[in-house]
Amino acid sequence: MLPSPAWLRDKSGKLTWINTAYLKAVDAHSEKEVIETQIELLESRHRRFIEQTLNKNEFFDEEIELIDR
């Protein structure tokens, strides 16, 4: 079991798999709920930033705060 949230997406960007840490991080009741409703862990601004990096064929290696302090 991975201690950090992990997920897989299909070619269209939809979530297809999540691990238990992801489930707990988004406070969902089941993997089915997350997949059916596409509950995102990251805000859209973070997802866009990651996507831009990956589209340049670069490795994304940045820290993203999930909780504002």
C-alpha atoms as a PDB file:
ATOM      1  CA  MET A   1       0.000   0.000   0.000  1.00  0.00           C
ATOM      2  CA  LEU A   2       1.291   3.449  -0.942  1.00  0.00           C
ATOM      3  CA  PRO A   3       1.231   5.989   1.914  1.00  0.00           C
ATOM      4  CA  SER A   4       0.640   8.923  -0.463  1.00  0.00           C
ATOM      5  CA  PRO A   5      -2.299   9.532  -2.780  1.00  0.00           C
ATOM      6  CA  ALA A   6      -1.886   7.957  -6.214  1.00  0.00           C
ATOM      7  CA  TRP A   7      -4.194   7.814  -9.230  1.00  0.00           C
ATOM      8  CA  LEU A   8      -4.413   6.857 -12.877  1.00  0.00           C
ATOM      9  CA  ARG A   9      -6.237   8.635 -15.693  1.00  0.00           C
ATOM     10  CA  ASP A  10      -7.351   7.538 -19.135  1.00  0.00           C
ATOM     11  CA  LYS A  11      -6.314   9.347 -22.322  1.00  0.00           C
ATOM     12  CA  SER A  12      -9.187  11.813 -21.936  1.00  0.00           C
ATOM     13  CA  GLY A  13      -8.009  12.761 -18.441  1.00  0.00           C
ATOM     14  CA  LYS A  14     -10.706  10.998 -16.445  1.00  0.00           C
ATOM     15  CA  LEU A  15      -9.787   9.248 -13.213  1.00  0.00           C
ATOM     16  CA  THR A  16      -9.809   5.471 -13.639  1.00  0.00           C
ATOM     17  CA  TRP A  17      -8.113   4.265 -10.459  1.00  0.00           C
ATOM     18  CA  ILE A  18      -7.224   5.665  -7.028  1.00  0.00           C
ATOM     19  CA  ASN A  19      -5.520   4.233  -3.985  1.00  0.00           C
ATOM     20  CA  THR A  20      -6.714   4.284  -0.373  1.00  0.00           C
ATOM     21  CA  ALA A  21      -4.635   7.358   0.487  1.00  0.00           C
ATOM     22  CA  TYR A  22      -6.389   9.303  -2.307  1.00  0.00           C
ATOM     23  CA  LEU A  23      -9.759   8.134  -1.024  1.00  0.00           C
ATOM     24  CA  LYS A  24      -8.936   9.383   2.478  1.00  0.00           C
ATOM     25  CA  ALA A  25      -7.457  12.666   1.204  1.00  0.00           C
ATOM     26  CA  VAL A  26     -10.652  13.635  -0.623  1.00  0.00           C
ATOM     27  CA  ASP A  27     -12.817  12.337   2.241  1.00  0.00           C
ATOM     28  CA  ALA A  28     -14.907  10.130  -0.032  1.00  0.00           C
ATOM     29  CA  HIS A  29     -16.832   7.005   0.956  1.00  0.00           C
ATOM     30  CA  SER A  30     -15.661   4.700  -1.821  1.00  0.00           C
ATOM     31  CA  GLU A  31     -13.463   4.363  -4.891  1.00  0.00           C
ATOM     32  CA  LYS A  32     -16.656   4.061  -6.938  1.00  0.00           C
ATOM     33  CA  GLU A  33     -17.855   7.462  -5.673  1.00  0.00           C
ATOM     34  CA  VAL A  34     -14.566   9.120  -6.628  1.00  0.00           C
ATOM     35  CA  ILE A  35     -14.457   7.559 -10.099  1.00  0.00           C
ATOM     36  CA  GLU A  36     -18.134   8.180 -10.899  1.00  0.00           C
ATOM     37  CA  THR A  37     -18.109  11.800  -9.726  1.00  0.00           C
ATOM     38  CA  GLN A  38     -14.470  12.506 -10.654  1.00  0.00           C
ATOM     39  CA  ILE A  39     -13.519  13.964  -7.256  1.00  0.00           C
ATOM     40  CA  GLU A  40     -10.227  15.751  -7.746  1.00  0.00           C
ATOM     41  CA  LEU A  41      -7.454  15.922  -5.169  1.00  0.00           C
ATOM     42  CA  LEU A  42      -5.763  18.937  -6.731  1.00  0.00           C
ATOM     43  CA  GLU A  43      -7.309  22.282  -7.594  1.00  0.00           C
ATOM     44  CA  SER A  44      -7.714  23.047 -11.288  1.00  0.00           C
ATOM     45  CA  ARG A  45      -4.877  25.629 -11.202  1.00  0.00           C
ATOM     46  CA  HIS A  46      -2.497  22.954  -9.925  1.00  0.00           C
ATOM     47  CA  ARG A  47      -3.670  20.447 -12.524  1.00  0.00           C
ATOM     48  CA  ARG A  48      -3.133  23.004 -15.326  1.00  0.00           C
ATOM     49  CA  PHE A  49       0.395  23.723 -14.084  1.00  0.00           C
ATOM     50  CA  ILE A  50       1.252  20.011 -14.016  1.00  0.00           C
ATOM     51  CA  GLU A  51      -0.308  19.465 -17.446  1.00  0.00           C
ATOM     52  CA  GLN A  52       1.713  22.318 -18.961  1.00  0.00           C
ATOM     53  CA  THR A  53       4.915  20.792 -17.607  1.00  0.00           C
ATOM     54  CA  LEU A  54       4.093  17.301 -18.854  1.00  0.00           C
ATOM     55  CA  ASN A  55       3.062  18.626 -22.286  1.00  0.00           C
ATOM     56  CA  LYS A  56       6.616  19.947 -22.656  1.00  0.00           C
ATOM     57  CA  ASN A  57       7.833  16.381 -22.035  1.00  0.00           C
ATOM     58  CA  GLU A  58       9.364  17.535 -18.767  1.00  0.00           C
ATOM     59  CA  PHE A  59       9.251  15.740 -15.439  1.00  0.00           C
ATOM     60  CA  PHE A  60       7.058  17.434 -12.845  1.00  0.00           C
ATOM     61  CA  ASP A  61       8.992  17.666  -9.595  1.00  0.00           C
ATOM     62  CA  GLU A  62       7.420  20.440  -7.559  1.00  0.00           C
ATOM     63  CA  GLU A  63       5.771  20.547  -4.159  1.00  0.00           C
ATOM     64  CA  ILE A  64       2.134  21.562  -4.058  1.00  0.00           C
ATOM     65  CA  GLU A  65       0.485  22.518  -0.785  1.00  0.00           C
ATOM     66  CA  LEU A  66      -2.917  20.904  -0.489  1.00  0.00           C
ATOM     67  CA  ILE A  67      -3.935  22.820   2.615  1.00  0.00           C
ATOM     68  CA  ASP A  68      -3.731  26.613   2.793  1.00  0.00           C
ATOM     69  CA  ARG A  69      -2.122  27.824   5.991  1.00  0.00           C
END
